[in-house]
Amino acid sequence: MALVAGSYERFIWGFSLKPITATAPSSDETLALAPLFSYPAHAGPIRCVAAAPRAGLAASGGADDSVRLYDLPTAADLGPLLDPCAAVSALAFHSIGPVPRNLLAASDDGLLHLYDADGFALLSSLRVFPRGREAADAVAVHPSGRVALAVGRAGGLAMLNLLRGRRSFACRLERPASAVAYAEDAAGGDRFVMAAEEKVTVHDSEDARIIHEMRCDKRVLAFAPAKNGVLYTGGEDRGITAWDLSSGKVSSRIEGAHSTRVKGIVVFDNRNDGSELSTLVASASSDGVIRIWDARMTGNEKPTPLAEVNTKARLTCLAGSSLKYKKYECYYFAWKYSLSSILLKLINSLKPDDIFNLLWHMDFKNRDVEFKHQSGLPVL
């Protein structure tokens, strides 16, 4: 697993989470954050970062009107995207399984740029809100990839049709929201959550009705949904709170997780297996400290972080991704996109990194259309 953090000092920080086996026979295996890279990636403060959950691909947006891309397994800078004409305020990836399909980048001029993740060609640029140049502070893509939600700093909420490249709906909120994300409750219900000041609301994705209102002690600056119907929030209260999306109540809390404001939270993806990594939560604070927590220990009075690193920078954002990719996922995508038995044998003989490079360079869009024609599914 890998973490990417941005800072006011223009630096981008990359870390990989690695297990360390203690020398003493009675000691348990511990974790450590090993540095991948750190350098001034932008000419201005880094305002947002995003990562494809299981592809090892990350992006950062800065006040220098650019988006930069990173390959985490090789710790390589892939270069900038210069289409935004204003400071980049929000980023979001959309992936199909482990393969990233699109990157969304919102800028202060009120535009949202939609990129194809294969080559990062600009597909469309659309104005997010009806009110001129209102910027989007956060963007969330629905798991289907058909629509996205955006919240603006002037109190706007917009639903964007990504298939047609236009705005489908817009309204004004009572208070401006600072974060938005899609999530699932414990029963698998399709939800989206928004944070406005100290209040977090849970909405039904079909009709946007409010299901729960969850009030925190102080302003919420970051949150991250988990696959088990739990939402982790953090902010000016310096702690991390786990909320049950089904009941809207607090399930656990880490008091005093940081000495300053929590600026970012990442929950490691637990969709694929039940390994120990699926219980880990990462948090970053404005004083430059990044900590890894075991979600199973949040009920304790004073939990100890499993790993910690101090960047000594004013961190602004945090994102996480996997550095590797499981072979059985490649079998699934080989079947889904109707690949030949020869390619299945080739996948079986390759290493995980080589498998990812193979699938990355394939034309998934054309094969998706062919697969839908063969199976009788509608082609979007």
Protein backbone atom coordinates (compact mmCIF):
# COMPACT_ATOMS: atom_id res chain seq x y z
CA MET A 1 0.00 0.00 0.00
CA ALA A 2 1.11 3.57 -0.65
CA LEU A 3 0.22 7.05 0.60
CA VAL A 4 0.58 10.38 -1.19
CA ALA A 5 0.41 13.70 0.66
CA GLY A 6 0.55 17.30 -0.55
CA SER A 7 1.74 20.36 1.35
CA TYR A 8 1.68 24.15 1.35
CA GLU A 9 5.44 24.10 0.73
CA ARG A 10 4.89 22.71 -2.83
CA PHE A 11 6.26 19.31 -1.85
CA ILE A 12 4.62 16.02 -2.73
CA TRP A 13 5.33 13.13 -0.35
CA GLY A 14 5.07 9.44 -1.18
CA PHE A 15 5.30 6.57 1.31
CA SER A 16 4.87 2.81 1.08
CA LEU A 17 3.50 0.79 3.97
CA LYS A 18 5.78 -2.16 4.63
CA PRO A 19 5.76 -4.85 7.33
CA ILE A 20 8.85 -5.11 9.53
CA THR A 21 9.58 -8.34 11.37
CA ALA A 22 11.05 -7.71 14.79
CA THR A 23 14.33 -9.39 15.70
CA ALA A 24 13.07 -10.66 19.05
CA PRO A 25 11.26 -14.02 18.77
CA SER A 26 8.41 -12.89 21.01
CA SER A 27 7.79 -9.61 19.18
CA ASP A 28 4.98 -9.22 16.68
CA GLU A 29 5.29 -7.97 13.14
CA THR A 30 5.09 -4.17 12.93
CA LEU A 31 4.56 -1.68 10.11
CA ALA A 32 6.66 1.18 8.83
CA LEU A 33 6.17 4.01 6.34
CA ALA A 34 9.10 3.83 3.92
CA PRO A 35 9.71 6.95 1.81
CA LEU A 36 9.10 6.65 -1.94
CA PHE A 37 9.75 10.24 -3.01
CA SER A 38 9.56 13.85 -1.85
CA TYR A 39 10.26 16.88 -4.01
CA PRO A 40 8.68 20.23 -4.97
CA ALA A 41 6.29 19.01 -7.66
CA HIS A 42 4.37 22.27 -8.14
CA ALA A 43 5.21 25.94 -8.34
CA GLY A 44 2.58 26.72 -5.70
CA PRO A 45 0.84 25.03 -2.77
CA ILE A 46 -0.60 21.57 -3.46
CA ARG A 47 -4.32 21.78 -2.87
CA CYS A 48 -5.52 18.24 -3.59
CA VAL A 49 -4.33 14.70 -4.34
CA ALA A 50 -6.12 11.62 -5.63
CA ALA A 51 -5.16 8.01 -6.25
CA ALA A 52 -6.62 5.12 -8.21
CA PRO A 53 -7.38 2.64 -5.39
CA ARG A 54 -5.66 -0.45 -6.81
CA ALA A 55 -3.58 0.77 -9.75
CA GLY A 56 -0.61 2.55 -8.16
CA LEU A 57 -1.50 5.76 -10.01
CA ALA A 58 -1.78 9.14 -8.28
CA ALA A 59 -2.37 12.77 -9.23
CA SER A 60 -1.86 16.12 -7.52
CA GLY A 61 -3.38 19.52 -8.22
CA GLY A 62 -1.78 22.80 -7.25
CA ALA A 63 -2.20 26.54 -7.26
CA ASP A 64 0.09 26.67 -10.32
CA ASP A 65 -2.82 25.70 -12.63
CA SER A 66 -1.52 22.19 -13.33
CA VAL A 67 -2.14 18.53 -12.53
CA ARG A 68 0.80 16.17 -12.13
CA LEU A 69 0.69 12.38 -12.45
CA TYR A 70 2.74 9.80 -10.55
CA ASP A 71 3.44 6.09 -10.94
CA LEU A 72 3.77 4.84 -7.37
CA PRO A 73 5.36 1.38 -7.95
CA THR A 74 8.28 3.00 -9.79
CA ALA A 75 8.17 6.31 -7.85
CA ALA A 76 8.15 8.16 -11.18
CA ASP A 77 6.74 11.56 -12.14
CA LEU A 78 4.72 11.03 -15.33
CA GLY A 79 4.46 14.72 -16.12
CA PRO A 80 1.85 17.50 -15.97
CA LEU A 81 -1.58 18.12 -17.44
CA LEU A 82 -1.77 21.79 -18.39
CA ASP A 83 -5.41 22.02 -19.52
CA PRO A 84 -6.68 23.78 -16.36
CA CYS A 85 -6.43 27.56 -16.66
CA ALA A 86 -6.81 28.18 -12.93
CA ALA A 87 -5.77 26.66 -9.62
CA VAL A 88 -6.86 23.03 -9.31
CA SER A 89 -9.28 22.61 -6.41
CA ALA A 90 -10.38 18.95 -6.57
CA LEU A 91 -9.35 15.64 -8.17
CA ALA A 92 -11.05 12.26 -8.44
CA PHE A 93 -10.31 8.97 -10.21
CA HIS A 94 -12.88 6.53 -11.54
CA SER A 95 -11.75 2.92 -11.87
CA ILE A 96 -13.31 -0.27 -13.16
CA GLY A 97 -11.91 -2.85 -10.78
CA PRO A 98 -8.16 -2.25 -10.64
CA VAL A 99 -8.02 -0.38 -13.96
CA PRO A 100 -8.41 3.45 -13.88
CA ARG A 101 -10.74 4.75 -16.58
CA ASN A 102 -11.11 8.50 -15.97
CA LEU A 103 -9.61 11.40 -14.04
CA LEU A 104 -11.72 14.42 -13.05
CA ALA A 105 -10.05 17.74 -12.27
CA ALA A 106 -11.94 20.82 -11.04
CA SER A 107 -10.40 24.29 -11.15
CA ASP A 108 -11.11 27.71 -9.67
CA ASP A 109 -12.52 29.04 -12.94
CA GLY A 110 -15.58 26.82 -12.44
CA LEU A 111 -14.67 24.18 -15.02
CA LEU A 112 -14.42 20.42 -14.61
CA HIS A 113 -12.00 18.62 -16.93
CA LEU A 114 -12.64 14.96 -17.77
CA TYR A 115 -9.63 12.90 -18.90
CA ASP A 116 -9.27 9.41 -20.28
CA ALA A 117 -6.89 7.56 -17.95
CA ASP A 118 -5.34 5.76 -20.92
CA GLY A 119 -3.05 8.46 -22.30
CA PHE A 120 -4.85 11.23 -20.35
CA ALA A 121 -6.45 12.82 -23.38
CA LEU A 122 -8.92 15.58 -22.51
CA LEU A 123 -12.41 14.25 -23.25
CA SER A 124 -14.55 17.17 -22.13
CA SER A 125 -14.62 20.40 -20.14
CA LEU A 126 -17.89 21.51 -18.59
CA ARG A 127 -19.01 24.27 -16.27
CA VAL A 128 -19.97 22.78 -12.93
CA PHE A 129 -22.40 25.35 -11.53
CA PRO A 130 -24.84 27.73 -13.22
CA ARG A 131 -23.44 30.65 -11.23
CA GLY A 132 -20.48 31.56 -13.43
CA ARG A 133 -17.07 30.84 -11.98
CA GLU A 134 -18.02 29.12 -8.73
CA ALA A 135 -15.32 26.54 -8.05
CA ALA A 136 -15.90 22.98 -6.90
CA ASP A 137 -14.18 22.17 -3.62
CA ALA A 138 -14.80 18.42 -3.87
CA VAL A 139 -15.80 15.91 -6.54
CA ALA A 140 -17.05 12.32 -6.19
CA VAL A 141 -17.65 9.83 -8.99
CA HIS A 142 -20.41 7.23 -8.71
CA PRO A 143 -19.09 3.63 -8.87
CA SER A 144 -20.90 3.19 -12.19
CA GLY A 145 -18.90 6.07 -13.69
CA ARG A 146 -22.03 7.60 -15.22
CA VAL A 147 -22.49 10.56 -12.90
CA ALA A 148 -20.46 12.66 -10.48
CA LEU A 149 -21.30 15.00 -7.62
CA ALA A 150 -19.58 18.32 -6.98
CA VAL A 151 -19.91 20.77 -4.08
CA GLY A 152 -18.90 24.42 -4.39
CA ARG A 153 -17.43 26.91 -1.99
CA ALA A 154 -20.44 29.22 -2.49
CA GLY A 155 -22.91 26.54 -1.41
CA GLY A 156 -23.64 24.82 -4.69
CA LEU A 157 -24.38 21.14 -5.28
CA ALA A 158 -24.32 19.77 -8.82
CA MET A 159 -24.85 16.39 -10.45
CA LEU A 160 -22.85 15.92 -13.64
CA ASN A 161 -23.67 13.49 -16.45
CA LEU A 162 -20.28 12.11 -17.44
CA LEU A 163 -21.64 10.18 -20.42
CA ARG A 164 -22.97 13.31 -22.13
CA GLY A 165 -20.56 15.79 -20.61
CA ARG A 166 -23.12 18.17 -19.17
CA ARG A 167 -24.73 19.23 -15.90
CA SER A 168 -27.90 17.34 -15.00
CA PHE A 169 -28.93 19.09 -11.80
CA ALA A 170 -27.85 21.94 -9.54
CA CYS A 171 -29.15 23.46 -6.31
CA ARG A 172 -28.06 25.61 -3.37
CA LEU A 173 -27.28 24.14 0.04
CA GLU A 174 -28.04 25.77 3.38
CA ARG A 175 -24.32 25.84 4.14
CA PRO A 176 -21.39 25.26 1.78
CA ALA A 177 -20.13 21.68 1.88
CA SER A 178 -16.40 21.01 1.98
CA ALA A 179 -16.40 17.29 1.08
CA VAL A 180 -18.57 14.76 -0.75
CA ALA A 181 -18.21 11.02 -1.36
CA TYR A 182 -20.21 7.99 -2.42
CA ALA A 183 -20.54 5.19 0.12
CA GLU A 184 -22.43 2.02 0.99
CA ASP A 185 -24.12 1.20 4.26
CA ALA A 186 -23.88 -2.19 5.93
CA ALA A 187 -26.87 -3.47 3.93
CA GLY A 188 -25.31 -2.43 0.61
CA GLY A 189 -27.49 0.64 0.13
CA ASP A 190 -26.23 3.25 -2.33
CA ARG A 191 -25.51 6.47 -0.42
CA PHE A 192 -23.57 9.70 -0.67
CA VAL A 193 -22.28 11.78 2.22
CA MET A 194 -21.49 15.49 2.54
CA ALA A 195 -19.67 17.48 5.21
CA ALA A 196 -20.67 21.07 5.99
CA GLU A 197 -18.93 22.68 8.96
CA GLU A 198 -19.48 20.31 11.92
CA LYS A 199 -22.38 18.39 10.33
CA VAL A 200 -22.18 15.29 8.11
CA THR A 201 -25.30 14.22 6.22
CA VAL A 202 -26.04 10.82 4.67
CA HIS A 203 -28.26 10.88 1.57
CA ASP A 204 -29.97 8.29 -0.59
CA SER A 205 -28.34 8.31 -4.02
CA GLU A 206 -31.64 7.84 -5.85
CA ASP A 207 -33.64 10.81 -4.54
CA ALA A 208 -31.03 12.67 -2.40
CA ARG A 209 -33.25 12.53 0.69
CA ILE A 210 -31.46 12.88 4.01
CA ILE A 211 -31.23 9.57 5.87
CA HIS A 212 -29.03 10.62 8.80
CA GLU A 213 -27.53 13.82 10.19
CA MET A 214 -24.37 13.28 12.21
CA ARG A 215 -23.02 16.15 14.28
CA CYS A 216 -19.36 16.36 15.28
CA ASP A 217 -17.85 18.49 18.01
CA LYS A 218 -15.99 20.75 15.59
CA ARG A 219 -15.62 21.39 11.87
CA VAL A 220 -15.05 18.31 9.69
CA LEU A 221 -12.14 18.73 7.27
CA ALA A 222 -11.79 15.19 5.89
CA PHE A 223 -13.62 11.90 5.75
CA ALA A 224 -13.29 8.50 4.09
CA PRO A 225 -15.91 5.75 3.70
CA ALA A 226 -15.04 2.10 4.30
CA LYS A 227 -16.53 -0.92 2.56
CA ASN A 228 -18.17 -2.22 5.74
CA GLY A 229 -20.64 0.66 6.04
CA VAL A 230 -18.45 2.84 8.27
CA LEU A 231 -17.47 6.46 7.67
CA TYR A 232 -14.29 7.86 9.26
CA THR A 233 -14.24 11.61 9.90
CA GLY A 234 -11.61 14.02 11.19
CA GLY A 235 -11.04 17.74 11.46
CA GLU A 236 -10.53 20.48 13.96
CA ASP A 237 -11.32 18.21 16.92
CA ARG A 238 -7.96 16.44 16.24
CA GLY A 239 -9.57 13.01 16.57
CA ILE A 240 -10.87 10.31 14.22
CA THR A 241 -14.50 9.22 14.56
CA ALA A 242 -16.03 6.09 13.02
CA TRP A 243 -19.74 6.43 12.16
CA ASP A 244 -22.16 3.64 11.33
CA LEU A 245 -23.93 4.74 8.13
CA SER A 246 -26.90 2.45 8.81
CA SER A 247 -27.75 3.99 12.18
CA GLY A 248 -25.98 7.35 12.00
CA LYS A 249 -24.34 6.75 15.38
CA VAL A 250 -20.73 6.72 16.55
CA SER A 251 -19.27 3.22 16.53
CA SER A 252 -15.80 4.13 17.82
CA ARG A 253 -13.44 7.06 18.19
CA ILE A 254 -9.72 7.82 18.52
CA GLU A 255 -9.36 10.75 20.90
CA GLY A 256 -6.35 12.98 20.29
CA ALA A 257 -5.20 11.15 17.18
CA HIS A 258 -3.12 14.21 16.29
CA SER A 259 -1.95 17.35 18.05
CA THR A 260 -3.32 19.59 15.27
CA ARG A 261 -6.14 19.51 12.72
CA VAL A 262 -6.71 16.33 10.73
CA LYS A 263 -6.41 17.22 7.03
CA GLY A 264 -6.76 13.81 5.37
CA ILE A 265 -8.02 10.27 6.02
CA VAL A 266 -7.49 7.13 3.93
CA VAL A 267 -9.10 3.73 4.51
CA PHE A 268 -7.21 0.92 2.82
CA ASP A 269 -9.43 -0.99 0.42
CA ASN A 270 -10.80 -4.21 1.92
CA ARG A 271 -12.80 -5.37 -1.07
CA ASN A 272 -10.43 -8.13 -2.18
CA ASP A 273 -9.41 -10.08 0.87
CA GLY A 274 -9.56 -10.20 4.64
CA SER A 275 -5.91 -9.43 5.23
CA GLU A 276 -4.64 -7.23 8.00
CA LEU A 277 -4.30 -4.29 5.62
CA SER A 278 -8.08 -4.16 5.30
CA THR A 279 -8.36 -2.88 8.90
CA LEU A 280 -5.91 0.03 8.57
CA VAL A 281 -6.76 3.72 8.57
CA ALA A 282 -4.24 6.44 7.68
CA SER A 283 -4.53 10.05 8.83
CA ALA A 284 -2.53 13.22 8.19
CA SER A 285 -2.46 16.42 10.21
CA SER A 286 -1.54 20.00 9.42
CA ASP A 287 1.72 19.73 11.39
CA GLY A 288 3.11 17.18 8.91
CA VAL A 289 2.50 13.94 10.83
CA ILE A 290 1.07 10.86 9.07
CA ARG A 291 -0.11 7.97 11.24
CA ILE A 292 -1.44 4.48 10.60
CA TRP A 293 -4.14 3.10 12.90
CA ASP A 294 -5.66 -0.33 13.39
CA ALA A 295 -9.42 0.14 13.06
CA ARG A 296 -10.00 -2.81 15.39
CA MET A 297 -8.24 -0.95 18.22
CA THR A 298 -10.28 2.25 18.02
CA GLY A 299 -12.39 1.18 20.99
CA ASN A 300 -9.39 1.39 23.31
CA GLU A 301 -8.89 4.46 25.45
CA LYS A 302 -5.42 5.33 24.11
CA PRO A 303 -4.65 3.37 20.94
CA THR A 304 -1.08 3.49 19.69
CA PRO A 305 -0.43 4.14 15.98
CA LEU A 306 1.05 1.20 14.10
CA ALA A 307 3.34 3.48 12.10
CA GLU A 308 4.19 7.17 12.04
CA VAL A 309 6.23 9.57 9.97
CA ASN A 310 6.83 13.31 10.32
CA THR A 311 7.26 15.23 7.07
CA LYS A 312 7.80 18.53 8.94
CA ALA A 313 5.59 20.22 6.36
CA ARG A 314 2.12 21.75 6.49
CA LEU A 315 0.14 18.95 4.89
CA THR A 316 -3.04 19.81 3.02
CA CYS A 317 -4.32 16.50 1.64
CA LEU A 318 -3.83 12.72 1.66
CA ALA A 319 -4.62 9.86 -0.74
CA GLY A 320 -3.85 6.15 -0.83
CA SER A 321 -3.45 3.37 -3.37
CA SER A 322 -2.21 -0.17 -3.75
CA LEU A 323 1.24 -0.82 -5.17
CA LYS A 324 0.40 -4.32 -6.39
CA TYR A 325 -2.47 -6.05 -8.03
CA LYS A 326 -3.80 -9.54 -7.58
CA LYS A 327 -3.60 -12.10 -10.35
CA TYR A 328 -7.17 -13.33 -10.00
CA GLU A 329 -8.37 -9.81 -10.79
CA CYS A 330 -6.56 -10.13 -14.11
CA TYR A 331 -8.46 -13.35 -14.81
CA TYR A 332 -11.72 -11.54 -14.17
CA PHE A 333 -10.89 -8.73 -16.56
CA ALA A 334 -9.59 -11.15 -19.16
CA TRP A 335 -12.96 -12.89 -19.04
CA LYS A 336 -14.98 -9.68 -18.94
CA TYR A 337 -13.33 -8.22 -21.99
CA SER A 338 -13.53 -11.51 -23.92
CA LEU A 339 -9.82 -12.13 -24.22
CA SER A 340 -8.45 -15.30 -25.77
CA SER A 341 -7.25 -18.42 -23.97
CA ILE A 342 -3.73 -17.65 -25.21
CA LEU A 343 -3.78 -14.39 -23.28
CA LEU A 344 -5.09 -16.19 -20.20
CA LYS A 345 -2.05 -18.48 -20.33
CA LEU A 346 0.17 -15.44 -20.79
CA ILE A 347 -1.34 -13.77 -17.71
CA ASN A 348 -0.69 -16.91 -15.68
CA SER A 349 3.02 -16.79 -16.55
CA LEU A 350 3.58 -13.09 -15.84
CA LYS A 351 4.52 -11.31 -12.66
CA PRO A 352 1.97 -8.90 -11.10
CA ASP A 353 3.77 -5.78 -12.34
CA ASP A 354 3.98 -7.16 -15.88
CA ILE A 355 0.29 -8.09 -15.77
CA PHE A 356 -0.66 -4.55 -14.83
CA ASN A 357 1.44 -3.08 -17.65
CA LEU A 358 -0.22 -5.47 -20.11
CA LEU A 359 -3.76 -4.52 -19.10
CA TRP A 360 -2.88 -0.84 -18.83
CA HIS A 361 -1.96 -0.58 -22.51
CA MET A 362 -4.97 -2.49 -23.82
CA ASP A 363 -7.94 -0.73 -25.41
CA PHE A 364 -10.52 -1.49 -22.72
CA LYS A 365 -13.18 0.80 -24.16
CA ASN A 366 -13.44 -1.06 -27.47
CA ARG A 367 -13.41 -4.43 -25.73
CA ASP A 368 -16.10 -3.24 -23.33
CA VAL A 369 -18.35 -2.42 -26.30
CA GLU A 370 -17.62 -5.81 -27.90
CA PHE A 371 -18.36 -7.61 -24.64
CA LYS A 372 -21.69 -5.82 -24.27
CA HIS A 373 -22.68 -6.67 -27.84
CA GLN A 374 -21.91 -10.33 -27.22
CA SER A 375 -23.79 -10.46 -23.93
CA GLY A 376 -26.78 -8.39 -25.07
CA LEU A 377 -26.11 -5.53 -22.66
CA PRO A 378 -26.85 -1.93 -23.72
CA VAL A 379 -23.87 0.02 -24.98
CA LEU A 380 -23.66 3.43 -23.29
